[in-house]
């Protein structure tokens, strides 16, 4: 596993940074929701989820991963709809 990470870092630093940032942002959102339940700041959460989805989608496309590209595209659409509905409420 360590050698895979080192090899990936040497060949695709930007992708590794995008994936890491996207995962950290998603974890931060989960912590925000945990701490602020039952009334989390949904606008902030949706904006952060959108940023994470863009980062993770770009990394998935860079890897040539169809499955993750579809998954993160779906998250981008769903969270975009959620953000829009929250802003219009």
PDB file of N, CA and C in Angstrom:
ATOM      1  N   UNK A   1       0.826  -1.193   0.000  1.00  0.00           N
ATOM      2  CA  UNK A   1       0.000   0.000   0.000  1.00  0.00           C
ATOM      3  C   UNK A   1       0.869   1.256   0.000  1.00  0.00           C
ATOM      4  N   UNK A   2       1.904   1.249   0.817  1.00  0.00           N
ATOM      5  CA  UNK A   2       2.801   2.410   0.893  1.00  0.00           C
ATOM      6  C   UNK A   2       3.467   2.649  -0.463  1.00  0.00           C
ATOM      7  N   UNK A   3       3.897   1.581  -1.113  1.00  0.00           N
ATOM      8  CA  UNK A   3       4.559   1.755  -2.410  1.00  0.00           C
ATOM      9  C   UNK A   3       3.582   2.298  -3.452  1.00  0.00           C
ATOM     10  N   UNK A   4       2.306   1.881  -3.377  1.00  0.00           N
ATOM     11  CA  UNK A   4       1.292   2.409  -4.298  1.00  0.00           C
ATOM     12  C   UNK A   4       1.115   3.913  -4.087  1.00  0.00           C
ATOM     13  N   UNK A   5       1.027   4.326  -2.833  1.00  0.00           N
ATOM     14  CA  UNK A   5       0.855   5.748  -2.516  1.00  0.00           C
ATOM     15  C   UNK A   5       2.064   6.545  -2.999  1.00  0.00           C
ATOM     16  N   UNK A   6       3.253   6.024  -2.744  1.00  0.00           N
ATOM     17  CA  UNK A   6       4.474   6.720  -3.185  1.00  0.00           C
ATOM     18  C   UNK A   6       4.531   6.822  -4.707  1.00  0.00           C
ATOM     19  N   UNK A   7       4.190   5.743  -5.382  1.00  0.00           N
ATOM     20  CA  UNK A   7       4.203   5.740  -6.856  1.00  0.00           C
ATOM     21  C   UNK A   7       3.164   6.721  -7.404  1.00  0.00           C
ATOM     22  N   UNK A   8       1.967   6.709  -6.807  1.00  0.00           N
ATOM     23  CA  UNK A   8       0.906   7.616  -7.239  1.00  0.00           C
ATOM     24  C   UNK A   8       1.322   9.065  -7.001  1.00  0.00           C
ATOM     25  N   UNK A   9       1.918   9.346  -5.846  1.00  0.00           N
ATOM     26  CA  UNK A   9       2.367  10.698  -5.506  1.00  0.00           C
ATOM     27  C   UNK A   9       3.409  11.194  -6.503  1.00  0.00           C
ATOM     28  N   UNK A  10       4.354  10.326  -6.856  1.00  0.00           N
ATOM     29  CA  UNK A  10       5.423  10.714  -7.785  1.00  0.00           C
ATOM     30  C   UNK A  10       4.885  10.999  -9.182  1.00  0.00           C
ATOM     31  N   UNK A  11       3.853  10.256  -9.592  1.00  0.00           N
ATOM     32  CA  UNK A  11       3.367  10.417 -10.962  1.00  0.00           C
ATOM     33  C   UNK A  11       2.188  11.380 -11.095  1.00  0.00           C
ATOM     34  N   UNK A  12       1.412  11.594 -10.029  1.00  0.00           N
ATOM     35  CA  UNK A  12       0.196  12.416 -10.127  1.00  0.00           C
ATOM     36  C   UNK A  12      -0.060  13.198  -8.840  1.00  0.00           C
ATOM     37  N   UNK A  13       0.833  14.115  -8.519  1.00  0.00           N
ATOM     38  CA  UNK A  13       0.713  14.873  -7.264  1.00  0.00           C
ATOM     39  C   UNK A  13      -0.602  15.646  -7.156  1.00  0.00           C
ATOM     40  N   UNK A  14      -1.012  16.284  -8.240  1.00  0.00           N
ATOM     41  CA  UNK A  14      -2.241  17.089  -8.200  1.00  0.00           C
ATOM     42  C   UNK A  14      -3.446  16.196  -7.943  1.00  0.00           C
ATOM     43  N   UNK A  15      -3.502  15.051  -8.585  1.00  0.00           N
ATOM     44  CA  UNK A  15      -4.615  14.131  -8.382  1.00  0.00           C
ATOM     45  C   UNK A  15      -4.675  13.639  -6.939  1.00  0.00           C
ATOM     46  N   UNK A  16      -3.529  13.280  -6.382  1.00  0.00           N
ATOM     47  CA  UNK A  16      -3.489  12.809  -4.996  1.00  0.00           C
ATOM     48  C   UNK A  16      -3.960  13.914  -4.052  1.00  0.00           C
ATOM     49  N   UNK A  17      -3.538  15.138  -4.316  1.00  0.00           N
ATOM     50  CA  UNK A  17      -3.978  16.275  -3.489  1.00  0.00           C
ATOM     51  C   UNK A  17      -5.486  16.493  -3.620  1.00  0.00           C
ATOM     52  N   UNK A  18      -6.015  16.390  -4.831  1.00  0.00           N
ATOM     53  CA  UNK A  18      -7.456  16.569  -5.049  1.00  0.00           C
ATOM     54  C   UNK A  18      -8.248  15.488  -4.326  1.00  0.00           C
ATOM     55  N   UNK A  19      -7.797  14.244  -4.429  1.00  0.00           N
ATOM     56  CA  UNK A  19      -8.496  13.151  -3.744  1.00  0.00           C
ATOM     57  C   UNK A  19      -8.451  13.323  -2.231  1.00  0.00           C
ATOM     58  N   UNK A  20      -7.289  13.667  -1.726  1.00  0.00           N
ATOM     59  CA  UNK A  20      -7.136  13.845  -0.284  1.00  0.00           C
ATOM     60  C   UNK A  20      -7.995  14.997   0.219  1.00  0.00           C
ATOM     61  N   UNK A  21      -7.963  16.112  -0.491  1.00  0.00           N
ATOM     62  CA  UNK A  21      -8.772  17.269  -0.086  1.00  0.00           C
ATOM     63  C   UNK A  21     -10.260  16.936  -0.148  1.00  0.00           C
ATOM     64  N   UNK A  22     -10.697  16.249  -1.198  1.00  0.00           N
ATOM     65  CA  UNK A  22     -12.100  15.873  -1.325  1.00  0.00           C
ATOM     66  C   UNK A  22     -12.556  14.977  -0.192  1.00  0.00           C
ATOM     67  N   UNK A  23     -11.726  14.018   0.177  1.00  0.00           N
ATOM     68  CA  UNK A  23     -12.088  13.124   1.284  1.00  0.00           C
ATOM     69  C   UNK A  23     -12.099  13.865   2.615  1.00  0.00           C
ATOM     70  N   UNK A  24     -11.126  14.742   2.835  1.00  0.00           N
ATOM     71  CA  UNK A  24     -11.093  15.513   4.078  1.00  0.00           C
ATOM     72  C   UNK A  24     -12.303  16.436   4.202  1.00  0.00           C
ATOM     73  N   UNK A  25     -12.667  17.075   3.104  1.00  0.00           N
ATOM     74  CA  UNK A  25     -13.849  17.954   3.122  1.00  0.00           C
ATOM     75  C   UNK A  25     -15.098  17.151   3.468  1.00  0.00           C
ATOM     76  N   UNK A  26     -15.237  15.971   2.872  1.00  0.00           N
ATOM     77  CA  UNK A  26     -16.402  15.127   3.172  1.00  0.00           C
ATOM     78  C   UNK A  26     -16.430  14.739   4.646  1.00  0.00           C
ATOM     79  N   UNK A  27     -15.280  14.419   5.203  1.00  0.00           N
ATOM     80  CA  UNK A  27     -15.200  14.085   6.626  1.00  0.00           C
ATOM     81  C   UNK A  27     -15.542  15.289   7.499  1.00  0.00           C
ATOM     82  N   UNK A  28     -15.070  16.462   7.116  1.00  0.00           N
ATOM     83  CA  UNK A  28     -15.378  17.694   7.856  1.00  0.00           C
ATOM     84  C   UNK A  28     -16.880  17.960   7.849  1.00  0.00           C
ATOM     85  N   UNK A  29     -17.529  17.761   6.710  1.00  0.00           N
ATOM     86  CA  UNK A  29     -18.981  17.961   6.639  1.00  0.00           C
ATOM     87  C   UNK A  29     -19.690  16.989   7.576  1.00  0.00           C
ATOM     88  N   UNK A  30     -19.257  15.742   7.599  1.00  0.00           N
ATOM     89  CA  UNK A  30     -19.872  14.763   8.502  1.00  0.00           C
ATOM     90  C   UNK A  30     -19.717  15.216   9.962  1.00  0.00           C
ATOM     91  N   UNK A  31     -18.551  15.759  10.297  1.00  0.00           N
ATOM     92  CA  UNK A  31     -18.326  16.253  11.662  1.00  0.00           C
ATOM     93  C   UNK A  31     -19.186  17.478  11.967  1.00  0.00           C
ATOM     94  N   UNK A  32     -19.325  18.367  10.990  1.00  0.00           N
ATOM     95  CA  UNK A  32     -20.177  19.545  11.176  1.00  0.00           C
ATOM     96  C   UNK A  32     -21.614  19.114  11.461  1.00  0.00           C
ATOM     97  N   UNK A  33     -22.105  18.161  10.679  1.00  0.00           N
ATOM     98  CA  UNK A  33     -23.472  17.681  10.880  1.00  0.00           C
ATOM     99  C   UNK A  33     -23.606  17.005  12.243  1.00  0.00           C
ATOM    100  N   UNK A  34     -22.615  16.216  12.626  1.00  0.00           N
ATOM    101  CA  UNK A  34     -22.650  15.530  13.910  1.00  0.00           C
ATOM    102  C   UNK A  34     -22.731  16.526  15.072  1.00  0.00           C
ATOM    103  N   UNK A  35     -21.927  17.563  15.001  1.00  0.00           N
ATOM    104  CA  UNK A  35     -21.849  18.531  16.097  1.00  0.00           C
ATOM    105  C   UNK A  35     -23.078  19.442  16.140  1.00  0.00           C
ATOM    106  N   UNK A  36     -23.639  19.751  14.989  1.00  0.00           N
ATOM    107  CA  UNK A  36     -24.717  20.752  14.941  1.00  0.00           C
ATOM    108  C   UNK A  36     -26.115  20.158  14.824  1.00  0.00           C
ATOM    109  N   UNK A  37     -26.230  18.826  14.821  1.00  0.00           N
ATOM    110  CA  UNK A  37     -27.549  18.191  14.755  1.00  0.00           C
ATOM    111  C   UNK A  37     -28.363  18.605  15.970  1.00  0.00           C
ATOM    112  N   UNK A  38     -29.623  18.946  15.837  1.00  0.00           N
ATOM    113  CA  UNK A  38     -30.559  18.635  14.765  1.00  0.00           C
ATOM    114  C   UNK A  38     -30.708  19.740  13.723  1.00  0.00           C
ATOM    115  N   UNK A  39     -29.989  20.841  13.850  1.00  0.00           N
ATOM    116  CA  UNK A  39     -30.131  21.934  12.880  1.00  0.00           C
ATOM    117  C   UNK A  39     -28.771  22.289  12.260  1.00  0.00           C
ATOM    118  N   UNK A  40     -28.246  21.429  11.390  1.00  0.00           N
ATOM    119  CA  UNK A  40     -26.942  21.722  10.783  1.00  0.00           C
ATOM    120  C   UNK A  40     -27.039  22.867   9.776  1.00  0.00           C
ATOM    121  N   UNK A  41     -25.930  23.557   9.547  1.00  0.00           N
ATOM    122  CA  UNK A  41     -25.901  24.634   8.549  1.00  0.00           C
ATOM    123  C   UNK A  41     -25.846  24.050   7.135  1.00  0.00           C
ATOM    124  N   UNK A  42     -27.013  23.770   6.579  1.00  0.00           N
ATOM    125  CA  UNK A  42     -27.074  23.016   5.328  1.00  0.00           C
ATOM    126  C   UNK A  42     -26.472  23.759   4.143  1.00  0.00           C
ATOM    127  N   UNK A  43     -26.575  25.071   4.104  1.00  0.00           N
ATOM    128  CA  UNK A  43     -25.963  25.795   2.976  1.00  0.00           C
ATOM    129  C   UNK A  43     -24.454  25.555   2.969  1.00  0.00           C
ATOM    130  N   UNK A  44     -23.834  25.691   4.137  1.00  0.00           N
ATOM    131  CA  UNK A  44     -22.393  25.432   4.247  1.00  0.00           C
ATOM    132  C   UNK A  44     -22.079  23.987   3.859  1.00  0.00           C
ATOM    133  N   UNK A  45     -22.865  23.052   4.367  1.00  0.00           N
ATOM    134  CA  UNK A  45     -22.621  21.634   4.067  1.00  0.00           C
ATOM    135  C   UNK A  45     -22.740  21.344   2.577  1.00  0.00           C
ATOM    136  N   UNK A  46     -23.787  21.866   1.944  1.00  0.00           N
ATOM    137  CA  UNK A  46     -23.963  21.620   0.508  1.00  0.00           C
ATOM    138  C   UNK A  46     -22.840  22.245  -0.317  1.00  0.00           C
ATOM    139  N   UNK A  47     -22.409  23.439   0.050  1.00  0.00           N
ATOM    140  CA  UNK A  47     -21.301  24.074  -0.687  1.00  0.00           C
ATOM    141  C   UNK A  47     -20.034  23.228  -0.545  1.00  0.00           C
ATOM    142  N   UNK A  48     -19.758  22.773   0.670  1.00  0.00           N
ATOM    143  CA  UNK A  48     -18.570  21.942   0.875  1.00  0.00           C
ATOM    144  C   UNK A  48     -18.689  20.610   0.140  1.00  0.00           C
ATOM    145  N   UNK A  49     -19.887  20.014   0.139  1.00  0.00           N
ATOM    146  CA  UNK A  49     -20.087  18.768  -0.608  1.00  0.00           C
ATOM    147  C   UNK A  49     -19.874  18.977  -2.105  1.00  0.00           C
ATOM    148  N   UNK A  50     -20.306  20.113  -2.626  1.00  0.00           N
ATOM    149  CA  UNK A  50     -20.100  20.412  -4.050  1.00  0.00           C
ATOM    150  C   UNK A  50     -18.606  20.514  -4.366  1.00  0.00           C
ATOM    151  N   UNK A  51     -17.872  21.212  -3.504  1.00  0.00           N
ATOM    152  CA  UNK A  51     -16.414  21.348  -3.701  1.00  0.00           C
ATOM    153  C   UNK A  51     -15.761  19.966  -3.657  1.00  0.00           C
ATOM    154  N   UNK A  52     -16.134  19.160  -2.658  1.00  0.00           N
ATOM    155  CA  UNK A  52     -15.565  17.813  -2.536  1.00  0.00           C
ATOM    156  C   UNK A  52     -15.897  16.973  -3.768  1.00  0.00           C
ATOM    157  N   UNK A  53     -17.127  17.066  -4.251  1.00  0.00           N
ATOM    158  CA  UNK A  53     -17.533  16.283  -5.422  1.00  0.00           C
ATOM    159  C   UNK A  53     -16.738  16.674  -6.655  1.00  0.00           C
ATOM    160  N   UNK A  54     -16.496  17.962  -6.846  1.00  0.00           N
ATOM    161  CA  UNK A  54     -15.704  18.415  -8.001  1.00  0.00           C
ATOM    162  C   UNK A  54     -14.279  17.880  -7.906  1.00  0.00           C
ATOM    163  N   UNK A  55     -13.685  17.962  -6.717  1.00  0.00           N
ATOM    164  CA  UNK A  55     -12.320  17.458  -6.535  1.00  0.00           C
ATOM    165  C   UNK A  55     -12.251  15.953  -6.782  1.00  0.00           C
ATOM    166  N   UNK A  56     -13.184  15.219  -6.201  1.00  0.00           N
ATOM    167  CA  UNK A  56     -13.172  13.764  -6.347  1.00  0.00           C
ATOM    168  C   UNK A  56     -13.531  13.327  -7.770  1.00  0.00           C
ATOM    169  N   UNK A  57     -14.433  14.055  -8.419  1.00  0.00           N
ATOM    170  CA  UNK A  57     -14.767  13.746  -9.807  1.00  0.00           C
ATOM    171  C   UNK A  57     -13.559  13.979 -10.715  1.00  0.00           C
ATOM    172  N   UNK A  58     -12.859  15.072 -10.515  1.00  0.00           N
ATOM    173  CA  UNK A  58     -11.676  15.336 -11.352  1.00  0.00           C
ATOM    174  C   UNK A  58     -10.615  14.252 -11.148  1.00  0.00           C
ATOM    175  N   UNK A  59     -10.433  13.802  -9.923  1.00  0.00           N
ATOM    176  CA  UNK A  59      -9.475  12.729  -9.665  1.00  0.00           C
ATOM    177  C   UNK A  59      -9.934  11.419 -10.308  1.00  0.00           C
ATOM    178  N   UNK A  60     -11.225  11.119 -10.227  1.00  0.00           N
ATOM    179  CA  UNK A  60     -11.750   9.886 -10.820  1.00  0.00           C
ATOM    180  C   UNK A  60     -11.581   9.897 -12.343  1.00  0.00           C
ATOM    181  N   UNK A  61     -11.857  11.036 -12.957  1.00  0.00           N
ATOM    182  CA  UNK A  61     -11.684  11.147 -14.413  1.00  0.00           C
ATOM    183  C   UNK A  61     -10.208  10.981 -14.765  1.00  0.00           C
ATOM    184  N   UNK A  62      -9.335  11.597 -13.971  1.00  0.00           N
ATOM    185  CA  UNK A  62      -7.899  11.479 -14.206  1.00  0.00           C
ATOM    186  C   UNK A  62      -7.427  10.025 -14.108  1.00  0.00           C
ATOM    187  N   UNK A  63      -8.034   9.277 -13.215  1.00  0.00           N
ATOM    188  CA  UNK A  63      -7.689   7.853 -13.052  1.00  0.00           C
ATOM    189  C   UNK A  63      -8.309   6.982 -14.139  1.00  0.00           C
ATOM    190  N   UNK A  64      -9.300   7.533 -14.831  1.00  0.00           N
ATOM    191  CA  UNK A  64      -9.995   6.737 -15.834  1.00  0.00           C
ATOM    192  C   UNK A  64     -10.994   5.779 -15.194  1.00  0.00           C
ATOM    193  N   UNK A  65     -11.515   6.151 -14.026  1.00  0.00           N
ATOM    194  CA  UNK A  65     -12.445   5.298 -13.284  1.00  0.00           C
ATOM    195  C   UNK A  65     -13.884   5.660 -13.631  1.00  0.00           C
ATOM    196  N   UNK A  66     -14.514   4.822 -14.439  1.00  0.00           N
ATOM    197  CA  UNK A  66     -15.891   5.073 -14.851  1.00  0.00           C
ATOM    198  C   UNK A  66     -16.837   5.039 -13.652  1.00  0.00           C
ATOM    199  N   UNK A  67     -16.695   4.036 -12.803  1.00  0.00           N
ATOM    200  CA  UNK A  67     -17.592   3.885 -11.660  1.00  0.00           C
ATOM    201  C   UNK A  67     -17.564   5.087 -10.729  1.00  0.00           C
ATOM    202  N   UNK A  68     -16.371   5.513 -10.337  1.00  0.00           N
ATOM    203  CA  UNK A  68     -16.267   6.665  -9.448  1.00  0.00           C
ATOM    204  C   UNK A  68     -16.656   7.959 -10.157  1.00  0.00           C
ATOM    205  N   UNK A  69     -16.409   8.055 -11.443  1.00  0.00           N
ATOM    206  CA  UNK A  69     -16.837   9.240 -12.193  1.00  0.00           C
ATOM    207  C   UNK A  69     -18.355   9.366 -12.170  1.00  0.00           C
ATOM    208  N   UNK A  70     -19.050   8.249 -12.364  1.00  0.00           N
ATOM    209  CA  UNK A  70     -20.515   8.259 -12.306  1.00  0.00           C
ATOM    210  C   UNK A  70     -20.985   8.582 -10.895  1.00  0.00           C
ATOM    211  N   UNK A  71     -20.360   7.975  -9.891  1.00  0.00           N
ATOM    212  CA  UNK A  71     -20.737   8.205  -8.502  1.00  0.00           C
ATOM    213  C   UNK A  71     -20.594   9.679  -8.125  1.00  0.00           C
ATOM    214  N   UNK A  72     -19.450  10.273  -8.401  1.00  0.00           N
ATOM    215  CA  UNK A  72     -19.228  11.662  -8.006  1.00  0.00           C
ATOM    216  C   UNK A  72     -20.029  12.634  -8.865  1.00  0.00           C
ATOM    217  N   UNK A  73     -20.327  12.263 -10.103  1.00  0.00           N
ATOM    218  CA  UNK A  73     -21.235  13.077 -10.919  1.00  0.00           C
ATOM    219  C   UNK A  73     -22.620  13.081 -10.296  1.00  0.00           C
ATOM    220  N   UNK A  74     -23.048  11.916  -9.837  1.00  0.00           N
ATOM    221  CA  UNK A  74     -24.345  11.814  -9.167  1.00  0.00           C
ATOM    222  C   UNK A  74     -24.388  12.655  -7.906  1.00  0.00           C
ATOM    223  N   UNK A  75     -23.333  12.589  -7.098  1.00  0.00           N
ATOM    224  CA  UNK A  75     -23.263  13.418  -5.888  1.00  0.00           C
ATOM    225  C   UNK A  75     -23.329  14.901  -6.246  1.00  0.00           C
ATOM    226  N   UNK A  76     -22.641  15.280  -7.312  1.00  0.00           N
ATOM    227  CA  UNK A  76     -22.622  16.683  -7.738  1.00  0.00           C
ATOM    228  C   UNK A  76     -24.032  17.151  -8.088  1.00  0.00           C
ATOM    229  N   UNK A  77     -24.769  16.337  -8.815  1.00  0.00           N
ATOM    230  CA  UNK A  77     -26.141  16.684  -9.205  1.00  0.00           C
ATOM    231  C   UNK A  77     -27.063  16.714  -7.990  1.00  0.00           C
ATOM    232  N   UNK A  78     -27.029  15.660  -7.183  1.00  0.00           N
ATOM    233  CA  UNK A  78     -27.913  15.574  -6.011  1.00  0.00           C
ATOM    234  C   UNK A  78     -27.643  16.730  -5.045  1.00  0.00           C
ATOM    235  N   UNK A  79     -26.375  16.992  -4.763  1.00  0.00           N
ATOM    236  CA  UNK A  79     -26.042  18.078  -3.834  1.00  0.00           C
ATOM    237  C   UNK A  79     -26.352  19.449  -4.438  1.00  0.00           C
ATOM    238  N   UNK A  80     -26.229  19.569  -5.751  1.00  0.00           N
ATOM    239  CA  UNK A  80     -26.614  20.819  -6.409  1.00  0.00           C
ATOM    240  C   UNK A  80     -28.102  21.081  -6.279  1.00  0.00           C
ATOM    241  N   UNK A  81     -28.903  20.033  -6.431  1.00  0.00           N
ATOM    242  CA  UNK A  81     -30.351  20.164  -6.251  1.00  0.00           C
ATOM    243  C   UNK A  81     -30.671  20.508  -4.798  1.00  0.00           C
ATOM    244  N   UNK A  82     -30.004  19.816  -3.859  1.00  0.00           N
ATOM    245  CA  UNK A  82     -30.213  20.104  -2.449  1.00  0.00           C
ATOM    246  C   UNK A  82     -29.854  21.533  -2.091  1.00  0.00           C
ATOM    247  N   UNK A  83     -28.726  22.027  -2.617  1.00  0.00           N
ATOM    248  CA  UNK A  83     -28.301  23.398  -2.366  1.00  0.00           C
ATOM    249  C   UNK A  83     -29.321  24.383  -2.939  1.00  0.00           C
ATOM    250  N   UNK A  84     -29.773  24.137  -4.147  1.00  0.00           N
ATOM    251  CA  UNK A  84     -30.765  25.012  -4.780  1.00  0.00           C
ATOM    252  C   UNK A  84     -32.059  25.051  -3.974  1.00  0.00           C
ATOM    253  N   UNK A  85     -32.539  23.885  -3.563  1.00  0.00           N
ATOM    254  CA  UNK A  85     -33.775  23.834  -2.773  1.00  0.00           C
ATOM    255  C   UNK A  85     -33.597  24.537  -1.430  1.00  0.00           C
ATOM    256  N   UNK A  86     -32.428  24.393  -0.823  1.00  0.00           N
ATOM    257  CA  UNK A  86     -32.171  25.054   0.468  1.00  0.00           C
ATOM    258  C   UNK A  86     -32.137  26.564   0.299  1.00  0.00           C
ATOM    259  N   UNK A  87     -31.511  27.030  -0.772  1.00  0.00           N
ATOM    260  CA  UNK A  87     -31.442  28.476  -1.009  1.00  0.00           C
ATOM    261  C   UNK A  87     -32.815  29.068  -1.320  1.00  0.00           C
ATOM    262  N   UNK A  88     -33.671  28.293  -1.970  1.00  0.00           N
ATOM    263  CA  UNK A  88     -34.997  28.786  -2.350  1.00  0.00           C
ATOM    264  C   UNK A  88     -36.043  28.664  -1.224  1.00  0.00           C
ATOM    265  N   UNK A  89     -35.696  27.913  -0.187  1.00  0.00           N
ATOM    266  CA  UNK A  89     -36.650  27.693   0.919  1.00  0.00           C
ATOM    267  C   UNK A  89     -36.774  28.923   1.813  1.00  0.00           C
TER     268      UNK A  89
END
